[in-house]
N, C-alpha and C. Protein backbone atom coordinates (compact mmCIF):
# COMPACT_ATOMS: atom_id res chain seq x y z
N MET A 1 61.20 138.45 -8.88
CA MET A 1 61.04 139.54 -7.93
C MET A 1 62.61 140.11 -7.55
N VAL A 2 62.53 141.50 -7.63
CA VAL A 2 63.82 142.26 -6.92
C VAL A 2 63.68 142.92 -5.86
N VAL A 3 64.46 142.69 -4.78
CA VAL A 3 63.96 143.61 -3.44
C VAL A 3 65.30 144.39 -3.45
N LEU A 4 65.00 145.88 -3.21
CA LEU A 4 65.83 146.63 -3.03
C LEU A 4 65.80 147.31 -1.69
N ASP A 5 67.08 147.51 -1.22
CA ASP A 5 67.28 148.15 0.02
C ASP A 5 68.40 149.01 0.21
N HIS A 6 68.62 149.80 1.24
CA HIS A 6 70.07 150.45 1.32
C HIS A 6 70.65 149.78 2.59
N ASP A 7 71.89 149.83 2.76
CA ASP A 7 72.49 149.08 4.12
C ASP A 7 71.96 149.81 5.38
N ASN A 8 71.43 150.99 5.30
CA ASN A 8 70.76 151.72 6.54
C ASN A 8 69.41 151.82 6.48
N ASP A 9 68.79 150.93 5.85
CA ASP A 9 67.24 151.16 5.72
C ASP A 9 66.56 150.16 6.80
N PRO A 10 66.00 151.10 7.79
CA PRO A 10 65.38 150.50 8.93
C PRO A 10 64.31 149.53 8.64
N ILE A 11 63.44 149.76 7.79
CA ILE A 11 62.42 148.88 7.50
C ILE A 11 62.73 147.67 6.89
N ALA A 12 64.06 147.68 6.11
CA ALA A 12 64.32 146.29 5.50
C ALA A 12 65.01 145.70 6.83
N SER A 13 65.55 146.35 7.53
CA SER A 13 66.41 145.71 8.69
C SER A 13 65.78 145.17 9.88
N LEU A 14 64.58 145.74 9.94
CA LEU A 14 63.64 145.68 11.33
C LEU A 14 63.28 143.94 11.19
N SER A 15 63.64 143.35 12.27
CA SER A 15 63.18 141.97 12.41
C SER A 15 62.86 141.68 14.04
N PRO A 16 61.96 140.71 14.37
CA PRO A 16 61.84 140.38 15.70
C PRO A 16 63.16 139.60 16.37
N GLN A 17 64.05 139.31 15.42
CA GLN A 17 65.24 138.27 15.85
C GLN A 17 66.26 139.41 16.71
N LEU A 18 66.06 140.75 16.15
CA LEU A 18 66.70 141.80 16.82
C LEU A 18 66.78 141.68 18.52
N ILE A 19 65.44 141.18 19.06
CA ILE A 19 65.24 141.18 20.36
C ILE A 19 66.49 140.31 21.07
N TYR A 20 66.71 139.06 20.32
CA TYR A 20 67.53 138.29 21.02
C TYR A 20 68.87 137.87 20.36
N ARG A 21 69.15 138.53 19.05
CA ARG A 21 70.42 138.08 18.01
C ARG A 21 70.97 139.36 17.50
N ARG A 22 72.15 139.54 17.78
CA ARG A 22 72.97 140.49 17.11
C ARG A 22 72.78 140.34 15.54
N PRO A 23 72.45 141.32 14.97
CA PRO A 23 72.37 141.17 13.36
C PRO A 23 73.93 141.18 12.66
N ALA A 24 73.88 140.70 11.50
CA ALA A 24 75.23 140.73 10.66
C ALA A 24 75.45 142.06 10.38
N TRP A 25 74.51 143.01 9.83
CA TRP A 25 74.59 144.38 9.67
C TRP A 25 75.53 145.28 10.73
N LEU A 26 75.46 144.72 11.89
CA LEU A 26 76.17 145.54 13.20
C LEU A 26 77.61 144.80 13.11
N SER A 27 77.93 144.07 12.35
CA SER A 27 79.47 143.64 12.54
C SER A 27 80.45 144.71 11.87
N GLU A 28 81.73 144.21 12.02
CA GLU A 28 82.81 145.27 11.71
C GLU A 28 82.59 145.74 10.35
N GLN A 29 81.88 145.04 9.33
CA GLN A 29 81.88 145.48 7.93
C GLN A 29 80.45 145.84 7.68
N ARG A 30 80.37 147.18 8.19
CA ARG A 30 79.09 147.75 8.35
C ARG A 30 78.97 148.47 6.90
N GLY A 31 77.65 148.67 6.56
CA GLY A 31 77.09 149.31 5.32
C GLY A 31 77.32 150.73 5.59
N ARG A 32 77.25 151.52 4.35
CA ARG A 32 77.28 153.02 4.50
C ARG A 32 76.09 153.32 5.27
N GLY A 33 76.46 154.33 6.01
CA GLY A 33 75.27 155.17 6.90
C GLY A 33 74.75 154.42 8.18
N VAL A 34 75.69 153.16 8.33
CA VAL A 34 75.13 152.34 9.70
C VAL A 34 76.30 152.94 10.56
N PRO A 35 76.00 153.76 11.63
CA PRO A 35 77.09 154.54 12.46
C PRO A 35 77.77 153.58 13.24
N ASN A 36 79.17 154.02 13.40
CA ASN A 36 80.08 152.89 14.06
C ASN A 36 79.49 152.99 15.52
N SER A 37 79.15 154.19 15.98
CA SER A 37 78.48 154.06 17.47
C SER A 37 77.53 153.12 17.74
N MET A 38 76.79 152.70 16.85
CA MET A 38 75.53 151.97 17.02
C MET A 38 76.10 150.43 17.62
N GLY A 39 75.57 150.11 18.54
CA GLY A 39 75.64 148.57 19.12
C GLY A 39 74.51 147.69 19.21
N TRP A 40 74.82 146.53 19.57
CA TRP A 40 73.38 145.87 19.65
C TRP A 40 73.52 145.52 21.29
N LEU A 41 72.05 145.63 21.53
CA LEU A 41 71.58 145.54 22.90
C LEU A 41 70.28 144.84 22.86
N PRO A 42 70.47 143.62 23.64
CA PRO A 42 68.86 142.93 23.51
C PRO A 42 67.83 143.53 23.58
N PHE A 43 66.82 143.72 22.84
CA PHE A 43 65.58 144.24 22.89
C PHE A 43 65.46 145.80 22.40
N MET A 44 66.66 146.51 23.14
CA MET A 44 66.76 147.84 22.91
C MET A 44 66.96 148.16 21.25
N THR A 45 67.77 147.44 20.73
CA THR A 45 68.23 147.49 19.23
C THR A 45 66.92 147.30 18.57
N PHE A 46 66.10 146.51 18.98
CA PHE A 46 64.81 146.29 18.00
C PHE A 46 63.89 147.41 18.42
N VAL A 47 64.10 148.06 19.62
CA VAL A 47 63.02 149.36 19.85
C VAL A 47 63.85 150.44 19.19
N HIS A 48 64.87 150.83 19.18
CA HIS A 48 65.59 151.76 18.12
C HIS A 48 65.11 151.68 16.95
N LEU A 49 65.41 150.40 16.12
CA LEU A 49 64.96 150.33 14.69
C LEU A 49 63.57 150.42 14.50
N SER A 50 62.75 150.07 15.58
CA SER A 50 61.11 150.31 15.29
C SER A 50 60.88 152.12 15.24
N VAL A 51 61.79 152.70 15.97
CA VAL A 51 61.39 153.98 15.97
C VAL A 51 61.89 154.64 14.48
N ASP A 52 63.03 154.14 14.31
CA ASP A 52 63.59 154.69 13.02
C ASP A 52 62.84 154.24 11.66
N ALA A 53 62.18 153.17 11.70
CA ALA A 53 61.46 152.58 10.79
C ALA A 53 60.03 153.56 10.62
N MET A 54 59.49 154.01 11.79
CA MET A 54 58.35 154.75 11.78
C MET A 54 58.80 156.21 11.26
N ASN A 55 59.67 156.67 11.09
CA ASN A 55 60.11 157.91 10.79
C ASN A 55 61.01 157.53 9.20
N ALA A 56 61.16 156.48 8.74
CA ALA A 56 61.87 156.33 7.59
C ALA A 56 61.34 156.96 6.38
N MET A 57 60.06 157.24 6.33
CA MET A 57 59.37 157.72 5.12
C MET A 57 58.89 159.31 5.25
N ARG A 58 59.72 159.84 6.31
CA ARG A 58 59.52 161.33 6.39
C ARG A 58 60.48 161.92 5.32
N THR A 59 60.01 162.46 4.42
CA THR A 59 60.94 163.12 3.29
C THR A 59 60.64 164.46 3.12
N VAL A 60 61.55 165.17 2.50
CA VAL A 60 61.34 166.60 2.06
C VAL A 60 61.15 166.65 0.53
N PRO A 61 60.11 167.09 0.34
CA PRO A 61 59.64 167.18 -1.36
C PRO A 61 60.84 167.81 -2.19
N GLY A 62 61.38 166.90 -3.21
CA GLY A 62 62.41 167.66 -4.14
C GLY A 62 63.80 167.23 -3.68
N GLU A 63 63.96 166.93 -2.13
CA GLU A 63 65.28 166.55 -1.86
C GLU A 63 65.51 165.04 -1.61
N PHE A 64 65.96 164.66 -3.08
CA PHE A 64 66.26 163.21 -2.97
C PHE A 64 67.53 162.63 -2.31
N LYS A 65 67.29 161.64 -1.75
CA LYS A 65 68.64 160.84 -0.90
C LYS A 65 68.60 159.54 -1.20
N SER A 66 69.56 159.20 -1.48
CA SER A 66 69.87 157.48 -1.61
C SER A 66 70.38 157.02 -0.35
N PHE A 67 69.31 156.85 0.84
CA PHE A 67 69.57 156.74 2.30
C PHE A 67 68.62 156.00 2.70
N GLY A 68 68.62 155.26 3.71
CA GLY A 68 67.47 154.79 4.45
C GLY A 68 66.45 154.01 3.53
N HIS A 69 65.26 154.37 3.62
CA HIS A 69 64.09 153.95 3.01
C HIS A 69 63.56 154.95 1.87
N ASP A 70 64.55 156.12 1.50
CA ASP A 70 64.34 156.74 0.44
C ASP A 70 65.18 156.29 -0.82
N PHE A 71 64.28 155.98 -1.63
CA PHE A 71 64.93 155.29 -3.00
C PHE A 71 64.66 156.41 -4.08
N ARG A 72 64.30 157.55 -3.76
CA ARG A 72 63.89 158.49 -4.98
C ARG A 72 65.07 158.98 -5.93
N THR A 73 66.39 159.08 -5.36
CA THR A 73 67.59 159.31 -6.03
C THR A 73 67.74 158.23 -6.89
N ASP A 74 67.43 157.04 -6.56
CA ASP A 74 67.95 155.65 -7.46
C ASP A 74 66.68 155.20 -8.37
N THR A 75 65.58 156.00 -8.27
CA THR A 75 64.43 155.41 -9.09
C THR A 75 64.73 155.44 -10.40
N ALA A 76 65.15 156.47 -11.15
CA ALA A 76 65.35 156.26 -12.60
C ALA A 76 66.46 155.25 -12.99
N ARG A 77 67.39 155.04 -12.18
CA ARG A 77 68.35 154.13 -12.46
C ARG A 77 67.70 152.54 -12.27
N PHE A 78 67.11 152.45 -10.97
CA PHE A 78 66.53 151.16 -10.96
C PHE A 78 65.41 150.89 -12.14
N VAL A 79 64.58 151.82 -12.39
CA VAL A 79 63.56 151.46 -13.64
C VAL A 79 64.36 151.19 -14.57
N HIS A 80 65.52 151.89 -15.07
CA HIS A 80 66.28 151.83 -16.12
C HIS A 80 66.76 150.27 -16.38
N ALA A 81 67.49 149.80 -15.17
CA ALA A 81 68.07 148.80 -15.08
C ALA A 81 66.87 147.48 -15.10
N ALA A 82 65.82 147.62 -14.36
CA ALA A 82 65.06 146.52 -14.02
C ALA A 82 64.21 146.13 -15.34
N PHE A 83 64.17 147.02 -16.42
CA PHE A 83 63.07 146.93 -17.38
C PHE A 83 64.27 146.62 -18.69
N GLY A 84 65.53 146.73 -18.38
CA GLY A 84 66.56 146.52 -19.54
C GLY A 84 66.41 147.64 -20.57
N LEU A 85 66.09 148.63 -20.31
CA LEU A 85 65.94 149.65 -21.32
C LEU A 85 67.08 150.08 -22.02
N PRO A 86 66.99 150.44 -23.28
CA PRO A 86 68.17 150.98 -24.10
C PRO A 86 69.23 151.90 -23.30
N ALA A 87 70.51 151.96 -23.66
CA ALA A 87 71.50 152.62 -23.07
C ALA A 87 71.17 153.99 -23.04
N VAL A 88 71.33 154.66 -22.07
CA VAL A 88 71.02 156.59 -21.96
C VAL A 88 72.56 156.94 -21.46
N THR A 89 72.35 158.19 -22.01
CA THR A 89 73.72 158.90 -21.35
C THR A 89 73.69 159.53 -19.68
N GLU A 90 74.61 159.87 -19.18
CA GLU A 90 74.39 160.48 -17.89
C GLU A 90 73.54 161.57 -17.93
N GLN A 91 73.62 162.29 -19.02
CA GLN A 91 72.90 163.55 -18.99
C GLN A 91 71.20 163.30 -19.01
N GLN A 92 71.06 162.17 -19.71
CA GLN A 92 69.43 161.86 -19.88
C GLN A 92 68.92 161.38 -18.60
N LEU A 93 69.85 160.59 -17.88
CA LEU A 93 69.27 160.18 -16.55
C LEU A 93 69.15 161.54 -15.66
N GLN A 94 70.17 162.22 -15.60
CA GLN A 94 69.84 163.53 -14.91
C GLN A 94 68.77 164.26 -15.36
N ALA A 95 68.33 164.18 -16.41
CA ALA A 95 67.31 164.97 -16.98
C ALA A 95 65.86 164.46 -16.43
N VAL A 96 65.93 163.15 -16.37
CA VAL A 96 64.86 162.55 -15.82
C VAL A 96 64.68 162.79 -14.25
N GLU A 97 65.92 162.60 -13.69
CA GLU A 97 65.83 162.81 -12.16
C GLU A 97 65.51 164.34 -11.95
N ARG A 98 65.65 165.30 -12.73
CA ARG A 98 65.42 166.78 -12.72
C ARG A 98 64.06 166.77 -12.75
N VAL A 99 63.06 166.22 -13.85
CA VAL A 99 61.80 166.09 -14.16
C VAL A 99 60.89 165.41 -12.81
N LEU A 100 61.57 164.48 -12.24
CA LEU A 100 60.92 163.72 -10.89
C LEU A 100 60.98 164.79 -9.95
N ARG A 101 61.97 165.47 -9.55
CA ARG A 101 62.08 166.39 -8.59
C ARG A 101 61.13 167.57 -8.78
N GLU A 102 61.07 167.82 -10.22
CA GLU A 102 60.06 168.87 -10.31
C GLU A 102 58.51 168.72 -10.19
N LEU A 103 58.17 167.41 -10.59
CA LEU A 103 56.95 166.81 -10.38
C LEU A 103 56.56 166.44 -8.99
N GLU A 104 57.80 166.16 -8.06
CA GLU A 104 57.41 165.99 -6.62
C GLU A 104 57.30 167.21 -6.16
N LEU A 105 57.90 168.24 -6.50
CA LEU A 105 57.90 169.86 -5.67
C LEU A 105 56.50 170.14 -5.99
N ASP A 106 55.90 170.09 -7.32
CA ASP A 106 54.55 170.37 -7.90
C ASP A 106 53.60 169.67 -6.95
N ARG A 107 53.67 168.39 -6.67
CA ARG A 107 52.72 167.69 -6.02
C ARG A 107 52.76 168.28 -4.53
N GLY A 108 53.98 168.45 -3.88
CA GLY A 108 54.08 168.95 -2.80
C GLY A 108 53.35 170.40 -2.54
N ALA A 109 53.62 171.26 -3.52
CA ALA A 109 52.91 172.64 -3.47
C ALA A 109 51.07 172.29 -3.57
N ARG A 110 50.80 171.56 -4.33
CA ARG A 110 49.33 171.36 -4.37
C ARG A 110 48.85 171.00 -3.26
N ILE A 111 49.50 169.93 -2.68
CA ILE A 111 48.81 169.23 -1.32
C ILE A 111 49.12 170.38 -0.18
N ALA A 112 50.11 171.17 -0.28
CA ALA A 112 50.10 172.40 0.77
C ALA A 112 48.76 173.46 0.44
N ALA A 113 48.46 173.57 -0.64
CA ALA A 113 47.77 174.56 -1.20
C ALA A 113 46.21 173.99 -0.69
N ALA A 114 46.09 172.75 -0.82
CA ALA A 114 44.82 172.00 -0.60
C ALA A 114 44.83 172.16 0.95
N LYS A 115 45.67 171.98 1.76
CA LYS A 115 45.62 172.06 3.31
C LYS A 115 45.26 173.53 3.53
N GLN A 116 45.70 174.33 3.02
CA GLN A 116 45.60 175.73 3.26
C GLN A 116 44.31 176.07 3.06
N ASN A 117 43.75 175.87 2.01
CA ASN A 117 42.35 176.16 1.33
C ASN A 117 41.40 175.44 2.29
N ALA A 118 41.64 174.37 3.04
CA ALA A 118 40.71 173.79 3.77
C ALA A 118 40.52 174.43 4.93
N ASP A 119 40.76 175.78 5.11
CA ASP A 119 40.68 176.56 6.27
C ASP A 119 40.79 175.93 7.66
N GLY A 120 41.65 174.87 7.78
CA GLY A 120 42.11 174.34 8.89
C GLY A 120 41.22 173.57 9.80
N ALA A 121 39.81 173.56 9.38
CA ALA A 121 38.74 172.95 10.05
C ALA A 121 39.09 171.30 10.15
N ARG A 122 39.01 170.67 11.17
CA ARG A 122 38.80 169.37 11.29
C ARG A 122 37.62 168.54 10.67
N THR A 123 37.77 167.52 10.25
CA THR A 123 36.44 166.93 9.93
C THR A 123 35.77 166.43 11.07
N SER A 124 34.64 165.95 10.59
CA SER A 124 33.59 165.39 11.76
C SER A 124 33.85 164.07 12.02
N GLY A 125 34.80 163.53 11.64
CA GLY A 125 35.23 162.14 12.04
C GLY A 125 34.64 161.08 11.03
N ALA A 126 35.04 159.86 11.18
CA ALA A 126 34.35 158.84 10.25
C ALA A 126 33.10 158.64 10.43
N ARG A 127 32.35 158.16 9.35
CA ARG A 127 30.85 158.04 9.06
C ARG A 127 30.47 157.20 10.25
N TRP A 128 30.92 155.97 10.51
CA TRP A 128 30.53 155.02 11.57
C TRP A 128 30.53 155.85 12.89
N VAL A 129 31.60 156.60 13.40
CA VAL A 129 31.76 157.26 14.64
C VAL A 129 30.35 158.26 14.72
N ARG A 130 30.20 158.74 13.65
CA ARG A 130 29.15 159.93 13.47
C ARG A 130 27.95 159.06 13.84
N SER A 131 27.50 158.18 13.23
CA SER A 131 26.43 157.18 13.36
C SER A 131 26.20 156.84 14.74
N ILE A 132 27.18 156.32 15.53
CA ILE A 132 27.12 155.87 16.80
C ILE A 132 26.70 156.99 17.84
N ALA A 133 27.66 158.09 17.38
CA ALA A 133 27.16 159.16 18.29
C ALA A 133 25.83 159.78 18.23
N SER A 134 25.24 160.05 16.68
CA SER A 134 23.94 160.55 16.64
C SER A 134 23.02 159.65 17.14
N THR A 135 23.22 158.21 17.19
CA THR A 135 22.25 157.53 17.68
C THR A 135 21.93 157.62 19.38
N ALA A 136 23.34 157.44 19.85
CA ALA A 136 23.33 157.71 21.48
C ALA A 136 22.74 159.00 21.84
N TRP A 137 22.92 160.17 21.15
CA TRP A 137 22.27 161.25 21.50
C TRP A 137 20.73 161.30 21.33
N ALA A 138 20.34 160.53 20.22
CA ALA A 138 18.87 160.48 19.86
C ALA A 138 18.07 159.65 20.66
N THR A 139 18.83 158.97 21.43
CA THR A 139 18.26 157.80 22.42
C THR A 139 18.34 158.49 23.87
N GLY A 140 19.17 159.61 24.08
CA GLY A 140 19.16 160.21 25.42
C GLY A 140 20.38 159.42 25.91
N SER A 141 21.08 158.22 25.47
CA SER A 141 21.95 157.80 26.15
C SER A 141 23.35 158.59 26.13
N ARG A 142 24.09 158.52 27.08
CA ARG A 142 25.33 159.30 27.20
C ARG A 142 26.50 158.56 27.22
N GLN A 143 26.36 157.20 26.77
CA GLN A 143 27.42 156.30 26.80
C GLN A 143 28.12 156.10 25.37
N CYS A 144 28.64 157.10 24.95
CA CYS A 144 29.13 156.99 23.59
C CYS A 144 30.75 156.45 23.79
N ALA A 145 31.00 155.96 22.87
CA ALA A 145 32.51 155.36 22.80
C ALA A 145 33.33 156.65 22.63
């Protein structure tokens, strides 16, 4: 198994030990993207990283970054190395990355169009919630969850 992470990936760095122990990645030899202003405070660093982890997957379609938990820029190179594929030129890798960006932009456009075509109406909720609500209304009970 190969585990990939970036120096500043909050998901890979999040650990309950942050509550009571200063992590090595906050030492003087910080990785790229770990701010010099970030320090360790018992419990607070854990909370800070928890919030960062919740936002780590918010990405912009087509804007690939080799940063945090965004591995899209690295994908073509990771796959090439992991599978031991034959040598390729830098131009070939850039062409693959260009196609990956185009595919992601196309997917983002399709998702946006589907949301727009859904007329903004909310769904009626999960089937089990509707079932409980309809049963309660049918029996005259007003004690719905």
